[in-house]
Amino acid sequence: MPDFDLLVIGAGASGLSVAAGAAQLGVKTALVERDHMGGDCLNVGCVPSKALLAAAHAANAIRGSGRFGLRMPSPEVDWDAVRSHVQGVIAAIAPNDSAARFTALGVTVLRGEARFTGPDSVAVDGRALTARRFVIAAGSRAVVPPIAGLAEMPHWTNADLFDLAVQPGHLLILGGGPIGLEMADAFAGLGCRVTVIEASTIANRDDPELVLGLRLALTRRGITILEGAEVASAEPGPTLVLKDGRRVAGTHVLVAVGRRPNLEALNLEAAGVAASRSGVVTDPGLRSPGNKRVYVVGDIADPVGIGPRAFTHVGLYHAGIVIRRALFRLPAKLNYAALPRVTYTDPELAQTGMTEAEAKDSGLAIRILRWPLSENDRAVAERDEAGMVKLIVSGNRVVGAGILAPHASEMIGQWSLAISRKIPLSALAGLIVPYPTRSEAGKRAAGSFFAPRLFSERTKALVRFLGRLP
């Protein structure tokens, strides 16, 4: 008899979700973690970064209070207190992800490195274990590019950034993706000088029209953004030398150029499990084609024809699919047609479904609907009018949506629902939303689809005719 019905490798968000669900369903479950319970998201990712951003945005709110007729002194940043705030947030959430909680749920929590020794067996720090099924949730880590001199020079990634004992004077951020931009916003808001160096364009997977507004907002807050700037080498100082000869000097370097799956220790070959540079290869239902006992969730999953998606909420979505397939034996597969993503800057940039470029590349006949926040009463009342709602429409359905606005992350959900459930525009335009809210901008954008027909000469003639009736 196997030692366990299900063995989960990795106690990040997706692995924890699988283990909790399985144990509560009465499945004999083991959870293996070599480092910190909660994984990157809790300890060095989503949670501390959002806590740091909250502090920065509070400081920016004080600086911007003059627009309301308030006179306040410039905020004084106590770096040790800010760090304590960030660690306090982690500590407050940690019990939800703790070994004690999962043990209480009935999970056997094992601390150590898991390594496959066969198609149905692993060794955890030398201890041999067997299981009916396995879930690999080993996650990913930051990539450090092979730039000459960088490895020999002090630099940081998200893994150690939140342990900085000294506030950076001038933070150089290598990479203009979501992590780089969020940390640029956070450190600039906390009084640091910040330069972002990006080889192509910032937020290059997002809609360029919305990125334009984000770029403007960040540069207005003093962040220097260098795009099309490739780094040739790094020198002590630190100084980054660009390929065009420019030299950018700072006090600290943050590397935020991408993620790499944690594959090395797993010994996947022994289990007959294939891997790519992007992760563990799976079918669209997150099962290994080479070993039907093995499922993969989170950053490390590389579904054939779909590719990895390194978001915590995707890992949670993966967990639900694996529970349906592995435990209930129900058909389930990935569908990213309405997958939301957010860059948590101020303003936030949120997108779901297709961008305009992706929709055009797919061959769809589309129409673009926009509503600027400058025409939204809530935004005007709060003197924060930058941004817009942008809808990509095919027929009478939304296939993509992008929002640049404060708290766009809280607004994007209805558009993911609209896309996934194929809700017609007429229903979205007729939705009753509270006044005044920024959500009205989405309703107004949807309603603009019908405006040309509603206010056409033909409709006006019909109204005149109906007006003559008794």
Protein backbone atom coordinates (compact mmCIF):
# COMPACT_ATOMS: atom_id res chain seq x y z
CA MET A 1 0.00 0.00 0.00
CA PRO A 2 1.28 3.50 -0.79
CA ASP A 3 2.18 5.71 2.15
CA PHE A 4 -0.17 8.44 0.94
CA ASP A 5 -3.04 8.89 -1.48
CA LEU A 6 -1.70 12.31 -2.51
CA LEU A 7 1.72 13.89 -2.04
CA VAL A 8 2.10 17.60 -2.76
CA ILE A 9 5.55 19.07 -3.39
CA GLY A 10 5.66 22.74 -2.45
CA ALA A 11 3.70 24.73 0.15
CA GLY A 12 3.09 27.87 -1.84
CA ALA A 13 -0.41 29.15 -2.60
CA SER A 14 -1.31 26.47 -5.15
CA GLY A 15 0.19 23.56 -3.22
CA LEU A 16 -1.53 24.65 -0.02
CA SER A 17 -4.87 24.88 -1.80
CA VAL A 18 -4.57 21.34 -3.19
CA ALA A 19 -3.46 19.92 0.17
CA ALA A 20 -6.23 21.66 2.12
CA GLY A 21 -8.93 20.57 -0.32
CA ALA A 22 -7.72 16.98 -0.45
CA ALA A 23 -7.37 16.60 3.31
CA GLN A 24 -10.83 18.00 3.96
CA LEU A 25 -12.21 15.47 1.50
CA GLY A 26 -10.71 12.65 3.54
CA VAL A 27 -7.74 11.97 1.28
CA LYS A 28 -4.54 10.87 3.06
CA THR A 29 -2.30 13.78 2.10
CA ALA A 30 1.34 14.72 2.56
CA LEU A 31 2.77 18.19 1.95
CA VAL A 32 6.50 18.66 1.44
CA GLU A 33 8.19 22.06 1.80
CA ARG A 34 11.92 22.74 1.84
CA ASP A 35 11.76 26.38 2.88
CA HIS A 36 8.95 28.64 4.17
CA MET A 37 5.29 27.68 4.39
CA GLY A 38 3.30 30.01 2.17
CA GLY A 39 6.01 30.11 -0.49
CA ASP A 40 7.07 33.22 -2.35
CA CYS A 41 3.63 34.84 -2.33
CA LEU A 42 3.43 35.15 1.44
CA ASN A 43 7.07 35.64 2.29
CA VAL A 44 8.78 37.53 -0.55
CA GLY A 45 6.12 38.24 -3.18
CA CYS A 46 2.50 39.34 -3.29
CA VAL A 47 2.02 40.03 0.41
CA PRO A 48 5.14 42.06 1.30
CA SER A 49 5.08 43.94 -2.00
CA LYS A 50 1.48 45.06 -1.48
CA ALA A 51 2.25 46.01 2.12
CA LEU A 52 5.18 48.14 0.93
CA LEU A 53 3.02 49.70 -1.79
CA ALA A 54 0.36 50.55 0.80
CA ALA A 55 2.93 52.51 2.80
CA ALA A 56 4.15 54.31 -0.31
CA HIS A 57 0.66 55.20 -1.48
CA ALA A 58 -0.17 56.54 1.98
CA ALA A 59 2.87 58.81 1.74
CA ASN A 60 1.81 59.94 -1.73
CA ALA A 61 -1.68 60.70 -0.44
CA ILE A 62 -0.16 63.07 2.13
CA ARG A 63 1.97 64.75 -0.53
CA GLY A 64 -1.09 65.17 -2.76
CA SER A 65 -3.43 66.50 -0.08
CA GLY A 66 -2.98 70.09 -1.28
CA ARG A 67 -5.42 69.47 -4.11
CA PHE A 68 -8.17 69.24 -1.49
CA GLY A 69 -7.20 72.48 0.22
CA LEU A 70 -5.27 70.71 2.98
CA ARG A 71 -1.87 71.84 4.17
CA MET A 72 0.20 69.00 5.57
CA PRO A 73 3.94 68.60 6.16
CA SER A 74 5.83 66.26 3.87
CA PRO A 75 5.79 62.72 5.28
CA GLU A 76 8.85 61.52 7.17
CA VAL A 77 9.73 57.94 6.31
CA ASP A 78 10.94 55.79 9.20
CA TRP A 79 12.53 52.93 7.27
CA ASP A 80 12.71 50.56 10.24
CA ALA A 81 9.02 51.19 10.99
CA VAL A 82 8.09 50.57 7.35
CA ARG A 83 9.99 47.29 7.42
CA SER A 84 8.22 46.38 10.66
CA HIS A 85 4.87 47.11 8.99
CA VAL A 86 5.73 44.78 6.09
CA GLN A 87 6.88 41.97 8.39
CA GLY A 88 3.82 42.49 10.57
CA VAL A 89 1.53 41.95 7.59
CA ILE A 90 3.35 38.71 6.74
CA ALA A 91 3.08 37.58 10.37
CA ALA A 92 -0.65 38.34 10.46
CA ILE A 93 -1.35 36.15 7.41
CA ALA A 94 1.20 33.40 8.16
CA PRO A 95 -1.04 31.33 10.52
CA ASN A 96 -3.36 30.63 7.57
CA ASP A 97 -0.44 28.95 5.79
CA SER A 98 1.27 27.41 8.80
CA ALA A 99 2.28 23.81 9.35
CA ALA A 100 0.13 23.80 12.50
CA ARG A 101 -3.02 24.71 10.57
CA PHE A 102 -2.44 22.09 7.91
CA THR A 103 -1.58 19.44 10.46
CA ALA A 104 -4.89 20.24 12.14
CA LEU A 105 -6.63 19.70 8.80
CA GLY A 106 -5.13 16.22 8.67
CA VAL A 107 -2.19 16.90 6.34
CA THR A 108 1.17 15.28 7.09
CA VAL A 109 3.61 18.19 6.75
CA LEU A 110 7.17 17.16 5.90
CA ARG A 111 10.07 19.60 5.92
CA GLY A 112 12.81 18.86 3.39
CA GLU A 113 13.77 18.51 -0.25
CA ALA A 114 11.57 16.19 -2.36
CA ARG A 115 13.24 14.17 -5.10
CA PHE A 116 11.56 11.60 -7.33
CA THR A 117 13.11 8.15 -7.14
CA GLY A 118 10.58 6.42 -9.41
CA PRO A 119 7.20 6.91 -11.05
CA ASP A 120 5.39 6.45 -7.72
CA SER A 121 8.04 7.33 -5.15
CA VAL A 122 10.01 10.24 -3.77
CA ALA A 123 12.72 10.71 -1.21
CA VAL A 124 12.43 13.60 1.25
CA ASP A 125 15.89 14.21 2.70
CA GLY A 126 16.58 10.48 2.38
CA ARG A 127 13.20 9.27 3.64
CA ALA A 128 11.50 7.05 1.04
CA LEU A 129 7.79 7.71 0.43
CA THR A 130 5.24 6.36 -2.01
CA ALA A 131 1.92 7.84 -3.15
CA ARG A 132 -0.92 7.09 -5.54
CA ARG A 133 -0.72 10.57 -7.01
CA PHE A 134 1.60 13.54 -6.87
CA VAL A 135 1.14 17.26 -7.32
CA ILE A 136 4.21 19.32 -8.16
CA ALA A 137 3.83 22.86 -6.88
CA ALA A 138 7.50 23.76 -6.57
CA GLY A 139 7.10 27.32 -7.86
CA SER A 140 9.68 29.60 -9.44
CA ARG A 141 12.42 32.04 -8.54
CA ALA A 142 13.82 35.26 -9.92
CA VAL A 143 16.14 35.09 -12.92
CA VAL A 144 19.51 36.87 -12.68
CA PRO A 145 20.67 37.53 -16.26
CA PRO A 146 24.28 36.74 -17.30
CA ILE A 147 25.39 40.38 -17.39
CA ALA A 148 29.13 40.79 -17.03
CA GLY A 149 30.01 41.83 -13.49
CA LEU A 150 26.50 41.53 -12.05
CA ALA A 151 27.06 38.28 -10.17
CA GLU A 152 30.15 39.73 -8.47
CA MET A 153 28.34 42.89 -7.36
CA PRO A 154 25.76 43.20 -4.57
CA HIS A 155 22.26 43.03 -6.07
CA TRP A 156 18.79 42.12 -4.92
CA THR A 157 15.76 40.21 -6.19
CA ASN A 158 12.31 39.89 -4.65
CA ALA A 159 13.76 37.07 -2.51
CA ASP A 160 15.81 39.48 -0.36
CA LEU A 161 14.52 42.95 -1.25
CA PHE A 162 12.22 43.18 1.77
CA ASP A 163 15.14 42.55 4.13
CA LEU A 164 16.98 45.74 3.11
CA ALA A 165 18.21 47.22 6.37
CA VAL A 166 19.09 50.58 4.82
CA GLN A 167 16.76 52.70 2.71
CA PRO A 168 18.17 52.94 -0.83
CA GLY A 169 19.30 56.37 -1.92
CA HIS A 170 18.98 55.58 -5.63
CA LEU A 171 17.45 52.24 -6.60
CA LEU A 172 18.27 50.95 -10.08
CA ILE A 173 15.63 48.49 -11.24
CA LEU A 174 16.58 46.13 -14.03
CA GLY A 175 13.29 45.21 -15.72
CA GLY A 176 10.09 47.11 -16.42
CA GLY A 177 7.52 44.36 -15.96
CA PRO A 178 4.93 44.23 -13.16
CA ILE A 179 7.42 43.54 -10.35
CA GLY A 180 9.84 46.23 -11.52
CA LEU A 181 7.12 48.85 -11.91
CA GLU A 182 5.44 48.04 -8.61
CA MET A 183 8.72 48.31 -6.73
CA ALA A 184 9.59 51.50 -8.59
CA ASP A 185 6.30 52.99 -7.40
CA ALA A 186 6.83 51.71 -3.85
CA PHE A 187 10.38 52.91 -3.34
CA ALA A 188 9.76 56.25 -5.05
CA GLY A 189 6.75 56.82 -2.80
CA LEU A 190 8.95 56.14 0.21
CA GLY A 191 11.37 58.86 -0.81
CA CYS A 192 13.97 56.94 -2.82
CA ARG A 193 15.29 58.04 -6.17
CA VAL A 194 14.38 55.34 -8.71
CA THR A 195 15.52 54.51 -12.25
CA VAL A 196 13.89 51.71 -14.24
CA ILE A 197 15.97 50.20 -17.05
CA GLU A 198 14.03 48.15 -19.59
CA ALA A 199 15.45 46.53 -22.73
CA SER A 200 12.20 46.92 -24.71
CA THR A 201 9.20 48.86 -23.37
CA ILE A 202 7.72 48.81 -19.89
CA ALA A 203 4.69 46.58 -19.32
CA ASN A 204 5.19 45.23 -22.82
CA ARG A 205 2.50 42.54 -22.47
CA ASP A 206 -0.16 45.12 -21.70
CA ASP A 207 -2.17 47.45 -23.92
CA PRO A 208 0.16 50.26 -25.10
CA GLU A 209 -2.63 52.84 -24.88
CA LEU A 210 -3.11 52.11 -21.19
CA VAL A 211 0.64 51.79 -20.56
CA LEU A 212 1.03 55.31 -21.94
CA GLY A 213 -1.06 56.67 -19.08
CA LEU A 214 0.81 54.57 -16.51
CA ARG A 215 4.17 55.76 -17.81
CA LEU A 216 3.06 59.36 -17.50
CA ALA A 217 1.83 58.83 -13.92
CA LEU A 218 5.12 57.21 -12.84
CA THR A 219 7.37 59.81 -14.45
CA ARG A 220 5.32 62.62 -12.92
CA ARG A 221 6.22 61.16 -9.53
CA GLY A 222 9.90 61.44 -10.35
CA ILE A 223 10.66 57.91 -11.55
CA THR A 224 13.17 57.82 -14.41
CA ILE A 225 12.25 55.24 -17.04
CA LEU A 226 14.83 54.20 -19.64
CA GLU A 227 13.30 52.07 -22.39
CA GLY A 228 15.11 50.34 -25.22
CA ALA A 229 18.10 50.30 -22.87
CA GLU A 230 20.11 47.07 -22.79
CA VAL A 231 22.65 46.60 -20.01
CA ALA A 232 26.07 45.49 -21.22
CA SER A 233 27.84 45.21 -17.88
CA ALA A 234 27.73 46.07 -14.20
CA GLU A 235 30.47 47.73 -12.18
CA PRO A 236 30.94 48.28 -8.45
CA GLY A 237 29.30 51.39 -7.18
CA PRO A 238 26.91 50.11 -8.41
CA THR A 239 26.92 51.34 -12.00
CA LEU A 240 25.09 49.77 -14.93
CA VAL A 241 26.76 50.31 -18.28
CA LEU A 242 24.33 50.35 -21.20
CA LYS A 243 25.13 49.04 -24.67
CA ASP A 244 24.90 52.55 -26.08
CA GLY A 245 27.65 53.67 -23.70
CA ARG A 246 25.51 55.42 -21.10
CA ARG A 247 26.37 54.79 -17.47
CA VAL A 248 23.69 54.75 -14.77
CA ALA A 249 24.95 54.95 -11.19
CA GLY A 250 22.93 54.24 -8.06
CA THR A 251 23.18 52.84 -4.55
CA HIS A 252 21.29 49.55 -4.98
CA VAL A 253 20.29 47.27 -7.88
CA LEU A 254 17.05 45.29 -8.01
CA VAL A 255 16.88 42.56 -10.66
CA ALA A 256 13.31 41.99 -11.91
CA VAL A 257 13.61 40.52 -15.39
CA GLY A 258 11.55 37.35 -15.04
CA ARG A 259 11.13 34.01 -13.28
CA ARG A 260 12.62 30.53 -13.62
CA PRO A 261 10.90 27.26 -12.55
CA ASN A 262 12.39 25.35 -9.62
CA LEU A 263 13.17 22.14 -11.50
CA GLU A 264 16.68 21.16 -10.52
CA ALA A 265 16.09 19.19 -7.32
CA LEU A 266 13.03 17.23 -8.48
CA ASN A 267 14.83 14.52 -10.53
CA LEU A 268 11.87 14.40 -12.91
CA GLU A 269 13.55 11.88 -15.22
CA ALA A 270 13.19 9.19 -12.57
CA ALA A 271 9.43 9.72 -12.62
CA GLY A 272 9.16 9.80 -16.41
CA VAL A 273 8.03 13.43 -16.28
CA ALA A 274 9.08 15.80 -19.07
CA ALA A 275 10.22 19.36 -18.51
CA SER A 276 10.88 22.41 -20.65
CA ARG A 277 12.80 25.61 -19.93
CA SER A 278 9.48 27.08 -18.79
CA GLY A 279 8.44 24.34 -16.38
CA VAL A 280 6.97 20.84 -16.12
CA VAL A 281 5.15 19.83 -19.30
CA THR A 282 1.46 18.99 -18.85
CA ASP A 283 -1.65 18.44 -20.90
CA PRO A 284 -4.37 21.15 -20.84
CA GLY A 285 -5.71 19.53 -17.65
CA LEU A 286 -2.36 19.92 -15.81
CA ARG A 287 -1.48 16.22 -15.92
CA SER A 288 1.91 14.91 -16.99
CA PRO A 289 1.61 13.01 -20.31
CA GLY A 290 4.53 10.79 -19.30
CA ASN A 291 3.29 9.84 -15.84
CA LYS A 292 -0.46 9.85 -15.24
CA ARG A 293 0.13 9.90 -11.49
CA VAL A 294 1.62 13.39 -11.63
CA TYR A 295 -0.16 16.74 -11.80
CA VAL A 296 1.44 20.18 -11.84
CA VAL A 297 0.14 23.51 -10.53
CA GLY A 298 1.29 27.11 -10.22
CA ASP A 299 4.27 28.87 -11.80
CA ILE A 300 6.02 25.61 -12.59
CA ALA A 301 3.22 24.25 -14.83
CA ASP A 302 3.85 24.50 -18.59
CA PRO A 303 0.71 23.22 -20.36
CA VAL A 304 1.38 22.27 -23.98
CA GLY A 305 0.14 24.93 -26.38
CA ILE A 306 -0.79 27.28 -23.54
CA GLY A 307 2.36 28.05 -21.59
CA PRO A 308 2.99 29.09 -17.99
CA ARG A 309 1.19 31.90 -16.16
CA ALA A 310 3.05 33.12 -13.08
CA PHE A 311 0.21 34.56 -11.00
CA THR A 312 -0.95 33.43 -7.58
CA HIS A 313 -4.60 33.48 -8.64
CA VAL A 314 -3.71 31.20 -11.55
CA GLY A 315 -2.17 28.76 -9.09
CA LEU A 316 -5.40 28.75 -7.09
CA TYR A 317 -7.35 28.14 -10.30
CA HIS A 318 -4.97 25.26 -11.10
CA ALA A 319 -5.65 23.75 -7.69
CA GLY A 320 -9.37 23.55 -8.42
CA ILE A 321 -8.74 21.82 -11.74
CA VAL A 322 -6.45 19.24 -10.17
CA ILE A 323 -8.90 18.48 -7.36
CA ARG A 324 -11.65 17.90 -9.92
CA ARG A 325 -9.46 15.69 -12.09
CA ALA A 326 -7.37 13.79 -9.56
CA LEU A 327 -9.92 13.31 -6.78
CA PHE A 328 -13.34 13.43 -8.45
CA ARG A 329 -12.16 12.02 -11.82
CA LEU A 330 -14.11 14.74 -13.62
CA PRO A 331 -13.03 16.28 -16.92
CA ALA A 332 -11.43 19.68 -16.46
CA LYS A 333 -8.98 21.75 -18.45
CA LEU A 334 -7.54 25.24 -18.54
CA ASN A 335 -9.37 28.16 -20.07
CA TYR A 336 -7.51 31.46 -19.92
CA ALA A 337 -9.97 33.40 -22.09
CA ALA A 338 -10.91 35.58 -19.12
CA LEU A 339 -7.68 35.52 -17.11
CA PRO A 340 -7.19 38.82 -15.22
CA ARG A 341 -3.81 40.35 -14.43
CA VAL A 342 -2.93 43.50 -12.51
CA THR A 343 0.07 45.75 -12.02
CA TYR A 344 -0.54 47.27 -8.58
CA THR A 345 0.93 50.69 -9.17
CA ASP A 346 -0.97 53.94 -8.66
CA PRO A 347 -2.99 53.99 -10.84
CA GLU A 348 -3.37 50.25 -11.20
CA LEU A 349 -3.30 48.65 -14.62
CA ALA A 350 -5.70 45.71 -14.90
CA GLN A 351 -6.48 43.60 -17.96
CA THR A 352 -8.52 40.52 -18.75
CA GLY A 353 -9.16 38.61 -21.94
CA MET A 354 -7.54 39.88 -25.12
CA THR A 355 -5.73 43.13 -25.66
CA GLU A 356 -6.56 45.11 -28.79
CA ALA A 357 -3.45 43.76 -30.54
CA GLU A 358 -4.21 40.16 -29.57
CA ALA A 359 -7.78 40.46 -30.81
CA LYS A 360 -6.62 41.85 -34.15
CA ASP A 361 -3.98 39.13 -34.50
CA SER A 362 -6.65 36.50 -33.88
CA GLY A 363 -8.58 37.74 -36.91
CA LEU A 364 -11.64 38.92 -35.00
CA ALA A 365 -13.63 41.85 -36.29
CA ILE A 366 -13.55 44.17 -33.30
CA ARG A 367 -14.73 47.52 -32.08
CA ILE A 368 -13.02 49.53 -29.34
CA LEU A 369 -15.10 51.24 -26.66
CA ARG A 370 -13.47 53.75 -24.29
CA TRP A 371 -14.54 55.87 -21.36
CA PRO A 372 -12.04 58.25 -19.77
CA LEU A 373 -12.05 58.80 -16.02
CA SER A 374 -11.98 62.53 -16.70
CA GLU A 375 -15.68 62.05 -17.49
CA ASN A 376 -16.40 60.07 -14.32
CA ASP A 377 -17.89 62.02 -11.43
CA ARG A 378 -16.19 60.01 -8.67
CA ALA A 379 -12.78 60.54 -10.26
CA VAL A 380 -13.45 64.25 -10.62
CA ALA A 381 -14.63 64.52 -6.99
CA GLU A 382 -11.42 62.86 -5.80
CA ARG A 383 -9.24 64.96 -8.13
CA ASP A 384 -7.79 61.77 -9.56
CA GLU A 385 -8.89 61.67 -13.18
CA ALA A 386 -6.04 59.84 -14.90
CA GLY A 387 -6.97 56.64 -16.68
CA MET A 388 -9.75 54.99 -18.63
CA VAL A 389 -11.78 51.88 -19.23
CA LYS A 390 -11.14 50.23 -22.60
CA LEU A 391 -13.31 47.41 -23.94
CA ILE A 392 -12.54 45.20 -26.93
CA VAL A 393 -15.81 44.03 -28.43
CA SER A 394 -16.57 41.44 -31.09
CA GLY A 395 -20.21 41.26 -32.18
CA ASN A 396 -22.15 42.14 -29.05
CA ARG A 397 -19.71 40.48 -26.63
CA VAL A 398 -16.70 41.77 -24.74
CA VAL A 399 -13.57 39.73 -25.53
CA GLY A 400 -11.09 41.91 -23.66
CA ALA A 401 -11.01 44.74 -21.15
CA GLY A 402 -8.33 47.02 -19.79
CA ILE A 403 -8.61 49.50 -16.94
CA LEU A 404 -6.14 52.14 -15.83
CA ALA A 405 -7.49 53.58 -12.60
CA PRO A 406 -7.09 53.59 -8.82
CA HIS A 407 -8.29 50.19 -7.57
CA ALA A 408 -8.62 48.84 -11.11
CA SER A 409 -7.99 45.41 -9.57
CA GLU A 410 -11.37 45.70 -7.85
CA MET A 411 -13.10 46.71 -11.10
CA ILE A 412 -11.75 44.10 -13.50
CA GLY A 413 -13.67 41.14 -12.04
CA GLN A 414 -16.99 42.01 -13.66
CA TRP A 415 -15.30 42.05 -17.06
CA SER A 416 -13.74 38.63 -16.50
CA LEU A 417 -17.23 37.40 -15.68
CA ALA A 418 -18.66 39.12 -18.76
CA ILE A 419 -16.08 37.44 -21.00
CA SER A 420 -16.27 33.98 -19.43
CA ARG A 421 -20.09 33.93 -19.40
CA LYS A 422 -20.46 35.69 -22.75
CA ILE A 423 -22.77 38.30 -21.27
CA PRO A 424 -24.21 40.55 -24.01
CA LEU A 425 -23.32 44.23 -24.05
CA SER A 426 -26.96 45.17 -23.58
CA ALA A 427 -26.94 43.52 -20.14
CA LEU A 428 -23.68 45.25 -19.20
CA ALA A 429 -24.94 48.62 -20.38
CA GLY A 430 -28.16 48.11 -18.41
CA LEU A 431 -26.42 47.12 -15.19
CA ILE A 432 -27.31 49.34 -12.23
CA VAL A 433 -24.13 50.47 -10.47
CA PRO A 434 -23.86 52.76 -7.42
CA TYR A 435 -23.35 56.46 -8.03
CA PRO A 436 -20.76 57.86 -7.85
CA THR A 437 -18.25 55.08 -8.49
CA ARG A 438 -15.51 54.49 -11.01
CA SER A 439 -17.39 51.35 -12.04
CA GLU A 440 -19.76 53.68 -13.89
CA ALA A 441 -16.97 54.23 -16.43
CA GLY A 442 -17.28 50.60 -17.53
CA LYS A 443 -21.06 50.86 -17.80
CA ARG A 444 -20.70 54.06 -19.84
CA ALA A 445 -18.17 52.42 -22.13
CA ALA A 446 -20.55 49.52 -22.74
CA GLY A 447 -23.42 51.93 -23.31
CA SER A 448 -21.45 53.84 -25.93
CA PHE A 449 -21.81 50.79 -28.17
CA PHE A 450 -25.51 51.59 -28.56
CA ALA A 451 -25.29 55.40 -28.66
CA PRO A 452 -24.95 55.82 -32.46
CA ARG A 453 -28.06 53.72 -33.07
CA LEU A 454 -30.02 55.13 -30.13
CA PHE A 455 -29.51 58.74 -31.16
CA SER A 456 -29.73 58.19 -34.92
CA GLU A 457 -32.14 60.14 -37.14
CA ARG A 458 -34.20 57.01 -37.56
CA THR A 459 -34.69 56.67 -33.79
CA LYS A 460 -35.49 60.38 -33.47
CA ALA A 461 -38.15 60.02 -36.18
CA LEU A 462 -39.64 57.06 -34.34
CA VAL A 463 -39.82 59.07 -31.11
CA ARG A 464 -41.51 61.96 -32.92
CA PHE A 465 -44.06 59.57 -34.40
CA LEU A 466 -44.76 57.92 -31.04
CA GLY A 467 -45.08 61.37 -29.48
CA ARG A 468 -48.05 62.16 -31.74
CA LEU A 469 -49.99 59.16 -30.58
CA PRO A 470 -52.68 59.73 -27.94
